[in-house]
Amino acid sequence: MKSSKPMRIIVGCGCVIISIIMIGCAMTKVPLSNYRSAFSGDYGVYKGKRVYLMNFDNQAGDTSIWYYYSQDKKLSYAGNDTLHNYFWYAFHDAFTKLGMPISKVDNPDPTAPAMWVTLLSITDVNYHVRVTVQKKGITEFTQEYTIQEPPLEGKDPNLVALEERAYRMTNRLIGTIMEDPGFQKVLTEP
């Protein structure tokens, strides 16, 4: 009889591991490896304005370091890098296309406004972030931004459509930030 207790523990642990594997296998992975910024608005005011993309961090309780999820947890969205790096590269791509010289951590420009983004909540229907900008070591601007999309419809998601939807949300987030008069002022005025 003594050997049955360890055996039950082993069987129980095995069932838990199999359940975790089965749940992980049931999740559809949506790639975020092909992002390219696309904007229809006029952002000419930013051309030539330097920015130091200082830091992007993930404090969102509804993500992992690598993924964000759909509301029902059946979909996960991920790129080739961490989630906060996906957003860093998205902003880098957008700002570069707008003609903004980018200063990076490995070669910072101490005279450029230093910007960082904190991910507060990221799902396939909601992006909520905080943007902070410093000038000469003093915080000049802090603002939270939220964009939302309606919940997904249908049972069999089209991965290409889901990926494009994620990119549209990313572009909407960046566009919303860039259209904010307070953000525009802190990045464009000396």
N, C-alpha and C. Protein backbone atom coordinates (compact mmCIF):
# COMPACT_ATOMS: atom_id res chain seq x y z
N MET A 1 0.80 -1.20 0.00
CA MET A 1 0.00 0.00 0.00
C MET A 1 0.84 1.27 0.00
N LYS A 2 2.05 1.24 0.56
CA LYS A 2 2.89 2.43 0.60
C LYS A 2 3.30 2.89 -0.79
N SER A 3 3.45 1.96 -1.71
CA SER A 3 3.88 2.33 -3.05
C SER A 3 2.77 3.00 -3.86
N SER A 4 1.52 2.89 -3.45
CA SER A 4 0.44 3.48 -4.22
C SER A 4 0.39 5.00 -4.11
N LYS A 5 0.80 5.57 -2.97
CA LYS A 5 0.79 7.03 -2.81
C LYS A 5 1.78 7.68 -3.77
N PRO A 6 3.05 7.22 -3.85
CA PRO A 6 3.97 7.81 -4.83
C PRO A 6 3.47 7.63 -6.27
N MET A 7 2.84 6.47 -6.53
CA MET A 7 2.33 6.22 -7.86
C MET A 7 1.21 7.20 -8.20
N ARG A 8 0.33 7.49 -7.23
CA ARG A 8 -0.74 8.47 -7.46
C ARG A 8 -0.17 9.85 -7.72
N ILE A 9 0.90 10.19 -7.02
CA ILE A 9 1.54 11.50 -7.23
C ILE A 9 2.11 11.57 -8.63
N ILE A 10 2.77 10.51 -9.07
CA ILE A 10 3.36 10.47 -10.41
C ILE A 10 2.27 10.56 -11.47
N VAL A 11 1.20 9.78 -11.30
CA VAL A 11 0.09 9.80 -12.25
C VAL A 11 -0.57 11.19 -12.26
N GLY A 12 -0.75 11.76 -11.09
CA GLY A 12 -1.35 13.10 -10.99
C GLY A 12 -0.50 14.15 -11.68
N CYS A 13 0.81 14.11 -11.45
CA CYS A 13 1.72 15.05 -12.10
C CYS A 13 1.69 14.85 -13.62
N GLY A 14 1.64 13.61 -14.04
CA GLY A 14 1.57 13.31 -15.48
C GLY A 14 0.31 13.88 -16.10
N CYS A 15 -0.81 13.77 -15.41
CA CYS A 15 -2.07 14.32 -15.92
C CYS A 15 -2.00 15.84 -16.03
N VAL A 16 -1.39 16.50 -15.06
CA VAL A 16 -1.25 17.96 -15.09
C VAL A 16 -0.38 18.37 -16.27
N ILE A 17 0.74 17.67 -16.48
CA ILE A 17 1.64 18.00 -17.58
C ILE A 17 0.94 17.80 -18.93
N ILE A 18 0.23 16.70 -19.07
CA ILE A 18 -0.51 16.44 -20.31
C ILE A 18 -1.56 17.51 -20.55
N SER A 19 -2.25 17.92 -19.50
CA SER A 19 -3.27 18.98 -19.63
C SER A 19 -2.65 20.28 -20.10
N ILE A 20 -1.52 20.63 -19.53
CA ILE A 20 -0.82 21.87 -19.92
C ILE A 20 -0.41 21.79 -21.39
N ILE A 21 0.13 20.65 -21.79
CA ILE A 21 0.54 20.47 -23.18
C ILE A 21 -0.67 20.56 -24.11
N MET A 22 -1.77 19.93 -23.74
CA MET A 22 -2.97 19.95 -24.57
C MET A 22 -3.53 21.37 -24.70
N ILE A 23 -3.52 22.13 -23.62
CA ILE A 23 -4.00 23.50 -23.68
C ILE A 23 -3.10 24.32 -24.59
N GLY A 24 -1.79 24.16 -24.45
CA GLY A 24 -0.84 24.89 -25.29
C GLY A 24 -1.00 24.53 -26.76
N CYS A 25 -1.27 23.27 -27.06
CA CYS A 25 -1.44 22.84 -28.44
C CYS A 25 -2.72 23.36 -29.05
N ALA A 26 -3.73 23.61 -28.24
CA ALA A 26 -5.01 24.08 -28.75
C ALA A 26 -4.97 25.55 -29.14
N MET A 27 -3.96 26.30 -28.69
CA MET A 27 -3.87 27.71 -28.97
C MET A 27 -3.33 27.92 -30.38
N THR A 28 -4.00 28.77 -31.16
CA THR A 28 -3.54 29.13 -32.48
C THR A 28 -2.57 30.29 -32.36
N LYS A 29 -1.41 30.17 -32.98
CA LYS A 29 -0.40 31.22 -32.89
C LYS A 29 -0.48 32.13 -34.12
N VAL A 30 -0.61 33.42 -33.86
CA VAL A 30 -0.67 34.43 -34.91
C VAL A 30 0.69 35.12 -34.98
N PRO A 31 1.36 35.04 -36.13
CA PRO A 31 2.69 35.64 -36.22
C PRO A 31 2.64 37.16 -36.30
N LEU A 32 3.63 37.81 -35.70
CA LEU A 32 3.77 39.26 -35.77
C LEU A 32 5.17 39.60 -36.29
N SER A 33 5.57 38.95 -37.35
CA SER A 33 6.94 39.10 -37.85
C SER A 33 7.05 39.98 -39.09
N ASN A 34 5.93 40.43 -39.62
CA ASN A 34 5.94 41.16 -40.89
C ASN A 34 5.41 42.58 -40.76
N TYR A 35 5.49 43.17 -39.58
CA TYR A 35 4.93 44.50 -39.37
C TYR A 35 5.64 45.55 -40.23
N ARG A 36 4.86 46.39 -40.87
CA ARG A 36 5.33 47.58 -41.57
C ARG A 36 4.36 48.70 -41.25
N SER A 37 4.89 49.83 -40.87
CA SER A 37 4.02 50.95 -40.52
C SER A 37 3.33 51.48 -41.77
N ALA A 38 2.09 51.93 -41.58
CA ALA A 38 1.30 52.51 -42.66
C ALA A 38 0.35 53.53 -42.04
N PHE A 39 0.48 54.78 -42.50
CA PHE A 39 -0.35 55.85 -41.95
C PHE A 39 -0.93 56.67 -43.08
N SER A 40 -2.14 57.15 -42.88
CA SER A 40 -2.78 57.98 -43.90
C SER A 40 -2.76 59.46 -43.53
N GLY A 41 -2.47 59.77 -42.29
CA GLY A 41 -2.46 61.17 -41.84
C GLY A 41 -1.20 61.90 -42.26
N ASP A 42 -1.21 63.21 -42.05
CA ASP A 42 -0.04 64.04 -42.34
C ASP A 42 0.74 64.25 -41.05
N TYR A 43 1.92 63.68 -41.00
CA TYR A 43 2.77 63.79 -39.83
C TYR A 43 4.06 64.54 -40.16
N GLY A 44 3.98 65.45 -41.14
CA GLY A 44 5.14 66.21 -41.58
C GLY A 44 5.80 67.02 -40.48
N VAL A 45 5.05 67.37 -39.44
CA VAL A 45 5.60 68.14 -38.33
C VAL A 45 6.74 67.39 -37.63
N TYR A 46 6.75 66.07 -37.76
CA TYR A 46 7.77 65.25 -37.09
C TYR A 46 9.05 65.09 -37.92
N LYS A 47 8.98 65.41 -39.22
CA LYS A 47 10.14 65.20 -40.09
C LYS A 47 11.35 65.97 -39.57
N GLY A 48 12.46 65.25 -39.42
CA GLY A 48 13.71 65.85 -38.95
C GLY A 48 13.82 65.99 -37.44
N LYS A 49 12.75 65.70 -36.71
CA LYS A 49 12.77 65.80 -35.24
C LYS A 49 13.40 64.53 -34.67
N ARG A 50 14.42 64.71 -33.87
CA ARG A 50 15.13 63.57 -33.28
C ARG A 50 14.35 63.03 -32.09
N VAL A 51 14.47 61.72 -31.87
CA VAL A 51 13.87 61.09 -30.70
C VAL A 51 14.78 59.94 -30.26
N TYR A 52 14.90 59.80 -28.97
CA TYR A 52 15.67 58.70 -28.38
C TYR A 52 14.67 57.68 -27.89
N LEU A 53 14.59 56.52 -28.57
CA LEU A 53 13.70 55.44 -28.14
C LEU A 53 14.38 54.72 -26.99
N MET A 54 14.14 55.26 -25.80
CA MET A 54 14.89 54.88 -24.62
C MET A 54 14.58 53.47 -24.13
N ASN A 55 13.31 53.18 -23.90
CA ASN A 55 12.97 51.90 -23.28
C ASN A 55 11.50 51.59 -23.53
N PHE A 56 11.21 50.35 -23.78
CA PHE A 56 9.84 49.85 -23.85
C PHE A 56 9.78 48.70 -22.87
N ASP A 57 8.81 48.73 -21.96
CA ASP A 57 8.72 47.64 -20.99
C ASP A 57 7.30 47.12 -20.90
N ASN A 58 7.20 45.88 -20.48
CA ASN A 58 5.92 45.18 -20.43
C ASN A 58 5.50 44.99 -18.98
N GLN A 59 4.52 45.76 -18.54
CA GLN A 59 3.94 45.60 -17.21
C GLN A 59 2.50 45.12 -17.29
N ALA A 60 2.11 44.61 -18.45
CA ALA A 60 0.75 44.15 -18.67
C ALA A 60 0.55 42.79 -17.98
N GLY A 61 -0.45 42.71 -17.13
CA GLY A 61 -0.75 41.47 -16.43
C GLY A 61 -1.45 40.45 -17.31
N ASP A 62 -1.89 40.86 -18.50
CA ASP A 62 -2.63 39.95 -19.37
C ASP A 62 -1.79 39.44 -20.54
N THR A 63 -0.45 39.56 -20.43
CA THR A 63 0.45 39.05 -21.46
C THR A 63 1.51 38.17 -20.81
N SER A 64 2.30 37.54 -21.66
CA SER A 64 3.55 36.94 -21.20
C SER A 64 4.65 37.83 -21.76
N ILE A 65 5.86 37.47 -21.55
CA ILE A 65 6.95 38.26 -22.11
C ILE A 65 6.99 38.10 -23.63
N TRP A 66 6.49 36.98 -24.15
CA TRP A 66 6.58 36.68 -25.57
C TRP A 66 5.28 36.86 -26.33
N TYR A 67 4.13 36.75 -25.67
CA TYR A 67 2.83 36.70 -26.35
C TYR A 67 1.82 37.65 -25.74
N TYR A 68 0.84 38.03 -26.56
CA TYR A 68 -0.42 38.54 -26.01
C TYR A 68 -1.52 37.67 -26.58
N TYR A 69 -2.70 37.74 -26.00
CA TYR A 69 -3.72 36.73 -26.26
C TYR A 69 -5.05 37.34 -26.67
N SER A 70 -5.90 36.47 -27.23
CA SER A 70 -7.29 36.84 -27.47
C SER A 70 -8.04 36.75 -26.14
N GLN A 71 -9.23 37.34 -26.11
CA GLN A 71 -10.03 37.33 -24.89
C GLN A 71 -10.32 35.91 -24.41
N ASP A 72 -10.56 35.00 -25.35
CA ASP A 72 -10.90 33.62 -24.99
C ASP A 72 -9.66 32.73 -24.82
N LYS A 73 -8.48 33.29 -24.97
CA LYS A 73 -7.19 32.58 -24.82
C LYS A 73 -6.99 31.47 -25.86
N LYS A 74 -7.72 31.53 -26.96
CA LYS A 74 -7.54 30.54 -28.02
C LYS A 74 -6.49 30.97 -29.04
N LEU A 75 -6.14 32.25 -29.02
CA LEU A 75 -5.16 32.79 -29.94
C LEU A 75 -4.03 33.43 -29.16
N SER A 76 -2.82 33.26 -29.65
CA SER A 76 -1.68 33.99 -29.10
C SER A 76 -0.99 34.72 -30.25
N TYR A 77 -0.52 35.92 -29.97
CA TYR A 77 0.14 36.76 -30.96
C TYR A 77 1.58 36.95 -30.53
N ALA A 78 2.53 36.67 -31.44
CA ALA A 78 3.94 36.80 -31.08
C ALA A 78 4.79 37.00 -32.32
N GLY A 79 5.91 37.67 -32.13
CA GLY A 79 6.88 37.86 -33.20
C GLY A 79 8.11 37.03 -32.94
N ASN A 80 9.22 37.50 -33.49
CA ASN A 80 10.49 36.80 -33.33
C ASN A 80 11.22 37.22 -32.07
N ASP A 81 10.67 38.15 -31.33
CA ASP A 81 11.33 38.71 -30.17
C ASP A 81 10.30 38.90 -29.07
N THR A 82 10.71 39.52 -27.98
CA THR A 82 9.78 39.77 -26.88
C THR A 82 8.69 40.74 -27.32
N LEU A 83 7.60 40.74 -26.59
CA LEU A 83 6.46 41.58 -26.93
C LEU A 83 6.81 43.07 -26.88
N HIS A 84 7.54 43.49 -25.84
CA HIS A 84 7.89 44.91 -25.77
C HIS A 84 8.84 45.30 -26.90
N ASN A 85 9.68 44.38 -27.36
CA ASN A 85 10.54 44.68 -28.51
C ASN A 85 9.74 44.80 -29.80
N TYR A 86 8.66 44.02 -29.93
CA TYR A 86 7.78 44.17 -31.10
C TYR A 86 7.30 45.61 -31.18
N PHE A 87 6.86 46.18 -30.06
CA PHE A 87 6.38 47.56 -30.07
C PHE A 87 7.53 48.54 -30.28
N TRP A 88 8.70 48.28 -29.72
CA TRP A 88 9.86 49.16 -29.95
C TRP A 88 10.16 49.23 -31.44
N TYR A 89 10.24 48.08 -32.09
CA TYR A 89 10.55 48.05 -33.52
C TYR A 89 9.43 48.68 -34.34
N ALA A 90 8.18 48.55 -33.90
CA ALA A 90 7.07 49.19 -34.62
C ALA A 90 7.21 50.71 -34.57
N PHE A 91 7.49 51.26 -33.40
CA PHE A 91 7.69 52.71 -33.29
C PHE A 91 8.93 53.13 -34.08
N HIS A 92 9.99 52.36 -34.00
CA HIS A 92 11.21 52.67 -34.76
C HIS A 92 10.90 52.73 -36.25
N ASP A 93 10.19 51.74 -36.77
CA ASP A 93 9.83 51.68 -38.17
C ASP A 93 8.98 52.89 -38.56
N ALA A 94 7.98 53.21 -37.75
CA ALA A 94 7.09 54.34 -38.04
C ALA A 94 7.86 55.66 -38.05
N PHE A 95 8.64 55.89 -37.00
CA PHE A 95 9.37 57.16 -36.90
C PHE A 95 10.40 57.30 -38.01
N THR A 96 11.07 56.22 -38.36
CA THR A 96 12.05 56.26 -39.45
C THR A 96 11.38 56.63 -40.76
N LYS A 97 10.23 56.02 -41.05
CA LYS A 97 9.51 56.32 -42.29
C LYS A 97 9.03 57.77 -42.32
N LEU A 98 8.82 58.37 -41.17
CA LEU A 98 8.39 59.76 -41.11
C LEU A 98 9.57 60.73 -41.16
N GLY A 99 10.78 60.20 -41.28
CA GLY A 99 11.95 61.05 -41.41
C GLY A 99 12.51 61.54 -40.09
N MET A 100 12.25 60.80 -39.02
CA MET A 100 12.76 61.18 -37.70
C MET A 100 14.05 60.42 -37.42
N PRO A 101 15.16 61.13 -37.16
CA PRO A 101 16.38 60.44 -36.75
C PRO A 101 16.17 59.78 -35.38
N ILE A 102 16.53 58.50 -35.29
CA ILE A 102 16.30 57.71 -34.08
C ILE A 102 17.63 57.52 -33.34
N SER A 103 17.61 57.85 -32.07
CA SER A 103 18.74 57.59 -31.19
C SER A 103 18.40 56.32 -30.41
N LYS A 104 19.40 55.44 -30.25
CA LYS A 104 19.16 54.16 -29.60
C LYS A 104 20.01 54.02 -28.34
N VAL A 105 19.73 53.00 -27.56
CA VAL A 105 20.42 52.76 -26.31
C VAL A 105 21.93 52.60 -26.52
N ASP A 106 22.33 51.94 -27.60
CA ASP A 106 23.75 51.71 -27.83
C ASP A 106 24.50 52.95 -28.32
N ASN A 107 23.76 53.99 -28.73
CA ASN A 107 24.38 55.23 -29.18
C ASN A 107 23.40 56.39 -28.92
N PRO A 108 23.12 56.69 -27.66
CA PRO A 108 22.09 57.69 -27.35
C PRO A 108 22.50 59.12 -27.68
N ASP A 109 21.53 59.89 -28.09
CA ASP A 109 21.70 61.33 -28.31
C ASP A 109 21.14 62.02 -27.08
N PRO A 110 22.00 62.57 -26.22
CA PRO A 110 21.51 63.16 -24.97
C PRO A 110 20.67 64.42 -25.16
N THR A 111 20.69 65.00 -26.37
CA THR A 111 19.88 66.21 -26.61
C THR A 111 18.51 65.89 -27.19
N ALA A 112 18.30 64.66 -27.62
CA ALA A 112 17.00 64.27 -28.19
C ALA A 112 16.01 63.96 -27.06
N PRO A 113 14.71 64.25 -27.26
CA PRO A 113 13.72 63.84 -26.28
C PRO A 113 13.77 62.31 -26.12
N ALA A 114 13.81 61.86 -24.87
CA ALA A 114 13.88 60.42 -24.56
C ALA A 114 12.46 59.91 -24.33
N MET A 115 12.07 58.93 -25.11
CA MET A 115 10.71 58.41 -25.05
C MET A 115 10.73 56.96 -24.64
N TRP A 116 9.77 56.57 -23.78
CA TRP A 116 9.58 55.15 -23.52
C TRP A 116 8.10 54.85 -23.43
N VAL A 117 7.79 53.60 -23.70
CA VAL A 117 6.41 53.12 -23.71
C VAL A 117 6.32 51.95 -22.74
N THR A 118 5.32 52.01 -21.87
CA THR A 118 5.04 50.93 -20.93
C THR A 118 3.75 50.25 -21.37
N LEU A 119 3.82 48.95 -21.64
CA LEU A 119 2.62 48.19 -21.99
C LEU A 119 1.85 47.91 -20.70
N LEU A 120 0.61 48.38 -20.63
CA LEU A 120 -0.21 48.20 -19.43
C LEU A 120 -1.24 47.08 -19.60
N SER A 121 -1.77 46.92 -20.80
CA SER A 121 -2.70 45.84 -21.12
C SER A 121 -2.69 45.66 -22.63
N ILE A 122 -2.43 44.44 -23.07
CA ILE A 122 -2.38 44.16 -24.50
C ILE A 122 -3.16 42.87 -24.75
N THR A 123 -4.25 43.00 -25.52
CA THR A 123 -5.02 41.83 -25.99
C THR A 123 -5.34 42.07 -27.45
N ASP A 124 -6.03 41.13 -28.07
CA ASP A 124 -6.37 41.32 -29.48
C ASP A 124 -7.53 42.29 -29.69
N VAL A 125 -8.11 42.80 -28.62
CA VAL A 125 -9.17 43.80 -28.74
C VAL A 125 -8.84 45.11 -28.05
N ASN A 126 -7.70 45.17 -27.33
CA ASN A 126 -7.40 46.35 -26.54
C ASN A 126 -5.88 46.52 -26.37
N TYR A 127 -5.38 47.69 -26.74
CA TYR A 127 -4.01 48.07 -26.43
C TYR A 127 -4.10 49.25 -25.46
N HIS A 128 -3.45 49.14 -24.32
CA HIS A 128 -3.41 50.22 -23.33
C HIS A 128 -1.95 50.40 -22.93
N VAL A 129 -1.43 51.60 -23.21
CA VAL A 129 -0.02 51.88 -22.95
C VAL A 129 0.14 53.23 -22.26
N ARG A 130 1.29 53.41 -21.64
CA ARG A 130 1.66 54.71 -21.09
C ARG A 130 2.92 55.17 -21.82
N VAL A 131 2.89 56.42 -22.30
CA VAL A 131 4.03 57.02 -22.98
C VAL A 131 4.62 58.09 -22.06
N THR A 132 5.92 58.05 -21.91
CA THR A 132 6.64 59.04 -21.11
C THR A 132 7.74 59.64 -21.96
N VAL A 133 7.90 60.96 -21.88
CA VAL A 133 8.96 61.65 -22.62
C VAL A 133 9.72 62.54 -21.63
N GLN A 134 11.03 62.41 -21.68
CA GLN A 134 11.91 63.26 -20.87
C GLN A 134 12.75 64.14 -21.79
N LYS A 135 13.05 65.33 -21.28
CA LYS A 135 14.00 66.22 -21.94
C LYS A 135 15.02 66.63 -20.89
N LYS A 136 16.28 66.42 -21.23
CA LYS A 136 17.38 66.75 -20.33
C LYS A 136 17.19 66.14 -18.94
N GLY A 137 16.69 64.90 -18.91
CA GLY A 137 16.54 64.17 -17.66
C GLY A 137 15.30 64.53 -16.85
N ILE A 138 14.47 65.41 -17.36
CA ILE A 138 13.25 65.83 -16.65
C ILE A 138 12.03 65.31 -17.41
N THR A 139 11.12 64.65 -16.70
CA THR A 139 9.91 64.15 -17.34
C THR A 139 9.02 65.34 -17.72
N GLU A 140 8.78 65.45 -19.01
CA GLU A 140 7.98 66.56 -19.55
C GLU A 140 6.57 66.12 -19.94
N PHE A 141 6.39 64.81 -20.12
CA PHE A 141 5.11 64.33 -20.66
C PHE A 141 4.88 62.90 -20.21
N THR A 142 3.68 62.63 -19.72
CA THR A 142 3.24 61.27 -19.42
C THR A 142 1.75 61.20 -19.77
N GLN A 143 1.40 60.21 -20.58
CA GLN A 143 0.00 60.07 -21.00
C GLN A 143 -0.29 58.61 -21.28
N GLU A 144 -1.49 58.17 -20.90
CA GLU A 144 -1.94 56.82 -21.24
C GLU A 144 -2.83 56.87 -22.47
N TYR A 145 -2.72 55.83 -23.30
CA TYR A 145 -3.50 55.73 -24.54
C TYR A 145 -4.13 54.34 -24.60
N THR A 146 -5.36 54.30 -25.08
CA THR A 146 -6.07 53.03 -25.27
C THR A 146 -6.72 53.04 -26.64
N ILE A 147 -6.55 51.97 -27.36
CA ILE A 147 -7.32 51.75 -28.59
C ILE A 147 -8.03 50.41 -28.46
N GLN A 148 -9.19 50.33 -29.09
CA GLN A 148 -9.98 49.11 -28.99
C GLN A 148 -10.49 48.69 -30.36
N GLU A 149 -10.68 47.41 -30.51
CA GLU A 149 -11.29 46.80 -31.69
C GLU A 149 -12.45 45.95 -31.22
N PRO A 150 -13.46 45.76 -32.05
CA PRO A 150 -14.54 44.86 -31.64
C PRO A 150 -14.03 43.43 -31.52
N PRO A 151 -14.69 42.62 -30.68
CA PRO A 151 -14.27 41.21 -30.54
C PRO A 151 -14.31 40.49 -31.88
N LEU A 152 -13.48 39.48 -32.01
CA LEU A 152 -13.42 38.69 -33.24
C LEU A 152 -14.70 37.90 -33.43
N GLU A 153 -15.10 37.75 -34.68
CA GLU A 153 -16.28 36.96 -35.03
C GLU A 153 -15.83 35.67 -35.71
N GLY A 154 -16.62 34.63 -35.60
CA GLY A 154 -16.35 33.39 -36.32
C GLY A 154 -15.57 32.39 -35.49
N LYS A 155 -15.61 31.13 -35.94
CA LYS A 155 -14.96 30.06 -35.21
C LYS A 155 -13.58 29.71 -35.74
N ASP A 156 -13.39 29.79 -37.05
CA ASP A 156 -12.11 29.44 -37.65
C ASP A 156 -11.40 30.71 -38.10
N PRO A 157 -10.48 31.20 -37.31
CA PRO A 157 -9.82 32.45 -37.67
C PRO A 157 -8.87 32.28 -38.85
N ASN A 158 -8.85 33.26 -39.71
CA ASN A 158 -7.92 33.33 -40.82
C ASN A 158 -6.66 34.00 -40.28
N LEU A 159 -5.55 33.28 -40.25
CA LEU A 159 -4.32 33.80 -39.64
C LEU A 159 -3.81 35.07 -40.31
N VAL A 160 -3.92 35.15 -41.63
CA VAL A 160 -3.47 36.35 -42.33
C VAL A 160 -4.32 37.55 -41.92
N ALA A 161 -5.64 37.36 -41.84
CA ALA A 161 -6.53 38.45 -41.43
C ALA A 161 -6.25 38.86 -39.98
N LEU A 162 -5.98 37.90 -39.12
CA LEU A 162 -5.68 38.21 -37.72
C LEU A 162 -4.36 38.99 -37.61
N GLU A 163 -3.37 38.57 -38.39
CA GLU A 163 -2.08 39.26 -38.38
C GLU A 163 -2.26 40.70 -38.87
N GLU A 164 -2.98 40.89 -39.97
CA GLU A 164 -3.22 42.24 -40.50
C GLU A 164 -4.00 43.09 -39.50
N ARG A 165 -4.94 42.49 -38.82
CA ARG A 165 -5.72 43.21 -37.79
C ARG A 165 -4.80 43.69 -36.67
N ALA A 166 -3.86 42.85 -36.25
CA ALA A 166 -2.91 43.24 -35.22
C ALA A 166 -2.04 44.41 -35.69
N TYR A 167 -1.62 44.38 -36.95
CA TYR A 167 -0.81 45.48 -37.49
C TYR A 167 -1.62 46.76 -37.57
N ARG A 168 -2.89 46.65 -37.97
CA ARG A 168 -3.76 47.85 -37.99
C ARG A 168 -3.89 48.44 -36.59
N MET A 169 -4.05 47.58 -35.59
CA MET A 169 -4.14 48.07 -34.21
C MET A 169 -2.85 48.77 -33.80
N THR A 170 -1.71 48.20 -34.17
CA THR A 170 -0.43 48.82 -33.84
C THR A 170 -0.32 50.18 -34.52
N ASN A 171 -0.70 50.25 -35.80
CA ASN A 171 -0.67 51.53 -36.52
C ASN A 171 -1.63 52.54 -35.91
N ARG A 172 -2.80 52.08 -35.51
CA ARG A 172 -3.76 52.99 -34.86
C ARG A 172 -3.20 53.53 -33.54
N LEU A 173 -2.53 52.66 -32.78
CA LEU A 173 -1.94 53.11 -31.52
C LEU A 173 -0.89 54.18 -31.77
N ILE A 174 0.02 53.91 -32.68
CA ILE A 174 1.08 54.88 -32.98
C ILE A 174 0.48 56.17 -33.53
N GLY A 175 -0.49 56.05 -34.43
CA GLY A 175 -1.14 57.23 -34.98
C GLY A 175 -1.86 58.05 -33.92
N THR A 176 -2.54 57.38 -33.00
CA THR A 176 -3.24 58.07 -31.90
C THR A 176 -2.26 58.85 -31.05
N ILE A 177 -1.13 58.26 -30.75
CA ILE A 177 -0.10 58.94 -29.96
C ILE A 177 0.44 60.14 -30.72
N MET A 178 0.75 59.95 -31.99
CA MET A 178 1.35 61.03 -32.78
C MET A 178 0.39 62.17 -33.04
N GLU A 179 -0.91 61.90 -33.01
CA GLU A 179 -1.91 62.95 -33.22
C GLU A 179 -2.24 63.72 -31.94
N ASP A 180 -1.78 63.23 -30.80
CA ASP A 180 -2.02 63.92 -29.54
C ASP A 180 -1.23 65.24 -29.53
N PRO A 181 -1.93 66.38 -29.36
CA PRO A 181 -1.22 67.67 -29.36
C PRO A 181 -0.15 67.76 -28.28
N GLY A 182 -0.34 67.17 -27.13
CA GLY A 182 0.65 67.21 -26.06
C GLY A 182 1.91 66.45 -26.45
N PHE A 183 1.74 65.28 -27.03
CA PHE A 183 2.89 64.49 -27.49
C PHE A 183 3.62 65.23 -28.60
N GLN A 184 2.84 65.74 -29.55
CA GLN A 184 3.42 66.47 -30.67
C GLN A 184 4.25 67.67 -30.19
N LYS A 185 3.71 68.38 -29.21
CA LYS A 185 4.41 69.56 -28.69
C LYS A 185 5.74 69.17 -28.02
N VAL A 186 5.71 68.14 -27.17
CA VAL A 186 6.92 67.78 -26.45
C VAL A 186 7.99 67.22 -27.39
N LEU A 187 7.59 66.58 -28.50
CA LEU A 187 8.59 66.04 -29.42
C LEU A 187 9.09 67.05 -30.44
N THR A 188 8.30 68.08 -30.73
CA THR A 188 8.69 68.98 -31.82
C THR A 188 9.21 70.35 -31.35
N GLU A 189 8.91 70.72 -30.12
CA GLU A 189 9.37 72.04 -29.65
C GLU A 189 10.65 71.88 -28.83
N PRO A 190 11.56 72.87 -28.95
CA PRO A 190 12.81 72.79 -28.19
C PRO A 190 12.62 72.86 -26.70
